[in-house]
C-alpha atoms as a PDB file:
ATOM      1  CA  MET A   1     -13.615  -7.516 -19.498  1.00  0.00           C
ATOM      2  CA  LYS A   2     -10.471  -6.736 -21.432  1.00  0.00           C
ATOM      3  CA  ILE A   3      -7.066  -6.712 -19.768  1.00  0.00           C
ATOM      4  CA  PRO A   4      -4.705  -4.384 -21.593  1.00  0.00           C
ATOM      5  CA  LEU A   5      -1.304  -5.869 -22.363  1.00  0.00           C
ATOM      6  CA  ASP A   6       1.876  -4.100 -23.340  1.00  0.00           C
ATOM      7  CA  ARG A   7       3.800  -6.423 -25.630  1.00  0.00           C
ATOM      8  CA  GLN A   8       6.752  -4.002 -25.634  1.00  0.00           C
ATOM      9  CA  SER A   9       7.076  -4.095 -21.833  1.00  0.00           C
ATOM     10  CA  ALA A  10       9.930  -5.885 -20.113  1.00  0.00           C
ATOM     11  CA  LYS A  11       7.298  -7.326 -17.738  1.00  0.00           C
ATOM     12  CA  PRO A  12       6.089 -10.766 -18.920  1.00  0.00           C
ATOM     13  CA  VAL A  13       2.490 -10.965 -20.137  1.00  0.00           C
ATOM     14  CA  TYR A  14       1.521 -13.428 -17.395  1.00  0.00           C
ATOM     15  CA  LEU A  15       2.639 -10.924 -14.749  1.00  0.00           C
ATOM     16  CA  GLN A  16       0.730  -8.117 -16.445  1.00  0.00           C
ATOM     17  CA  ILE A  17      -2.400 -10.291 -16.297  1.00  0.00           C
ATOM     18  CA  SER A  18      -1.760 -11.310 -12.684  1.00  0.00           C
ATOM     19  CA  ASP A  19      -1.169  -7.724 -11.574  1.00  0.00           C
ATOM     20  CA  ARG A  20      -4.320  -6.526 -13.311  1.00  0.00           C
ATOM     21  CA  LEU A  21      -6.452  -9.277 -11.764  1.00  0.00           C
ATOM     22  CA  SER A  22      -5.006  -8.473  -8.321  1.00  0.00           C
ATOM     23  CA  ARG A  23      -5.886  -4.787  -8.737  1.00  0.00           C
ATOM     24  CA  LEU A  24      -9.424  -5.685  -9.858  1.00  0.00           C
ATOM     25  CA  ILE A  25      -9.916  -7.916  -6.807  1.00  0.00           C
ATOM     26  CA  LYS A  26      -8.496  -5.355  -4.357  1.00  0.00           C
ATOM     27  CA  SER A  27     -10.628  -2.553  -5.828  1.00  0.00           C
ATOM     28  CA  GLY A  28     -13.796  -4.641  -5.596  1.00  0.00           C
ATOM     29  CA  ALA A  29     -14.333  -4.616  -9.364  1.00  0.00           C
ATOM     30  CA  LEU A  30     -13.917  -8.404  -9.339  1.00  0.00           C
ATOM     31  CA  PRO A  31     -15.934  -9.570  -6.308  1.00  0.00           C
ATOM     32  CA  PRO A  32     -15.125 -12.665  -4.242  1.00  0.00           C
ATOM     33  CA  ARG A  33     -16.291 -15.997  -5.676  1.00  0.00           C
ATOM     34  CA  ARG A  34     -16.943 -14.460  -9.088  1.00  0.00           C
ATOM     35  CA  LYS A  35     -15.678 -16.619 -11.897  1.00  0.00           C
ATOM     36  CA  THR A  36     -12.658 -15.224 -13.676  1.00  0.00           C
ATOM     37  CA  PRO A  37     -13.589 -14.058 -17.162  1.00  0.00           C
ATOM     38  CA  LEU A  38     -11.235 -16.477 -18.897  1.00  0.00           C
ATOM     39  CA  HIS A  39     -12.890 -15.909 -22.254  1.00  0.00           C
ATOM     40  CA  SER A  40     -11.361 -12.420 -22.248  1.00  0.00           C
ATOM     41  CA  LEU A  41      -7.909 -13.928 -21.848  1.00  0.00           C
ATOM     42  CA  SER A  42      -8.193 -16.205 -24.842  1.00  0.00           C
ATOM     43  CA  GLY A  43      -5.633 -16.377 -27.609  1.00  0.00           C
ATOM     44  CA  ARG A  44      -8.275 -15.009 -29.943  1.00  0.00           C
ATOM     45  CA  ASP A  45      -8.171 -11.698 -28.079  1.00  0.00           C
ATOM     46  CA  TYR A  46      -4.431 -11.765 -27.402  1.00  0.00           C
ATOM     47  CA  PRO A  47      -2.724 -13.582 -30.241  1.00  0.00           C
ATOM     48  CA  CYS A  48       0.775 -14.784 -29.445  1.00  0.00           C
ATOM     49  CA  GLU A  49       3.499 -16.231 -31.556  1.00  0.00           C
ATOM     50  CA  GLN A  50       3.313 -19.999 -31.430  1.00  0.00           C
ATOM     51  CA  THR A  51       6.468 -21.943 -30.754  1.00  0.00           C
ATOM     52  CA  ASP A  52       7.271 -25.593 -31.216  1.00  0.00           C
ATOM     53  CA  GLY A  53       8.700 -25.886 -27.704  1.00  0.00           C
ATOM     54  CA  ASN A  54      12.349 -26.075 -28.810  1.00  0.00           C
END
């Protein structure tokens, strides 16, 4: 499962992911007690700029 992200959006990526997962659950596409497909949310699929925390 791929979750499309819009890097140009004013909406933070984490909210885009949360909203998409909520829609999938409400629509029944992601059934109750099914494990979240975290592998599809990996940095490999959605590379981000790394920061040093400063």
